[in-house]
Protein backbone atom coordinates (compact mmCIF):
# COMPACT_ATOMS: atom_id res chain seq x y z
CA MET A 1 6.87 -4.27 -11.22
CA MET A 2 3.63 -3.36 -9.86
CA SER A 3 3.44 -0.19 -8.05
CA LEU A 4 2.26 -0.40 -4.38
CA ARG A 5 -0.75 1.78 -5.18
CA LEU A 6 -2.20 -0.58 -8.05
CA PHE A 7 -0.94 -3.52 -5.63
CA VAL A 8 -3.17 -2.47 -2.60
CA LYS A 9 -5.73 -1.68 -4.86
CA ARG A 10 -6.22 -4.87 -6.37
CA LYS A 11 -5.73 -6.98 -3.18
CA ARG A 12 -8.67 -4.55 -1.50
CA ARG A 13 -10.84 -5.61 -4.20
CA GLU A 14 -9.58 -9.31 -4.55
CA LEU A 15 -10.96 -9.76 -0.95
CA GLY A 16 -13.84 -7.75 -1.87
CA LEU A 17 -13.24 -4.82 0.73
CA THR A 18 -14.33 -1.33 0.70
CA GLN A 19 -11.73 1.48 1.28
CA ILE A 20 -13.25 1.77 4.66
CA GLU A 21 -13.42 -1.52 5.42
CA LEU A 22 -9.82 -2.43 4.90
CA ALA A 23 -8.86 1.37 6.28
CA ASP A 24 -10.81 -0.71 9.83
CA ARG A 25 -9.52 -3.36 9.90
CA ALA A 26 -5.71 -1.69 9.04
CA GLY A 27 -6.33 0.20 12.10
CA VAL A 28 -5.22 3.49 9.97
CA GLY A 29 -7.67 6.34 8.30
CA LEU A 30 -9.77 6.01 5.09
CA ARG A 31 -8.01 9.38 3.98
CA PHE A 32 -4.44 7.65 4.31
CA VAL A 33 -5.91 4.31 1.83
CA ARG A 34 -7.50 7.08 -0.38
CA GLU A 35 -3.90 8.51 -0.37
CA LEU A 36 -2.17 5.15 -0.72
CA GLU A 37 -4.45 4.05 -3.76
CA GLN A 38 -3.74 7.56 -5.35
CA GLY A 39 0.04 6.80 -5.02
CA LYS A 40 0.84 10.08 -2.73
CA SER A 41 4.65 10.39 -2.54
CA SER A 42 4.61 10.54 1.15
CA LEU A 43 3.45 7.94 3.30
CA ARG A 44 3.95 6.85 6.93
CA LEU A 45 6.07 3.33 6.72
CA ASP A 46 4.46 1.91 9.47
CA LYS A 47 1.17 2.66 8.01
CA VAL A 48 1.93 1.43 4.76
CA ASN A 49 2.87 -2.29 6.45
CA GLN A 50 0.04 -1.93 8.88
CA VAL A 51 -2.25 -2.15 5.26
CA LEU A 52 0.40 -4.40 3.64
CA GLY A 53 0.32 -7.06 6.57
CA LEU A 54 -3.71 -7.78 5.91
CA PHE A 55 -2.29 -8.65 2.71
CA GLY A 56 0.87 -10.94 4.29
CA HIS A 57 3.22 -8.58 2.88
CA CYS A 58 5.63 -5.49 4.12
CA MET A 59 7.53 -2.93 2.49
CA GLY A 60 11.27 -3.62 2.04
CA PRO A 61 14.55 -2.65 0.38
CA VAL A 62 14.76 -3.35 -3.33
CA PRO A 63 17.58 -3.40 -5.22
CA LEU A 64 17.74 -0.46 -8.68
CA LYS A 65 18.89 -1.81 -12.05
CA ARG A 66 22.37 0.45 -12.24
CA ASP A 67 20.52 2.92 -14.78
CA ASP A 68 18.25 3.85 -12.23
CA LEU A 69 20.95 5.36 -10.20
CA SER A 70 21.57 7.99 -12.24
């Protein structure tokens, strides 16, 4: 499974967008996009979904393997 930070960076580059352009289109700050692409561990979910919405995606629950629960 691809990490969120790599997914966003890859999608942004596929669309030929700079971080500034992505931030403008998603309605979030440049700092937020930078932190998202750097893998910051605590981010606002609503803002993450604003960015992912540009790519036709959103965050949601993902089942863990049993081994991941311990």
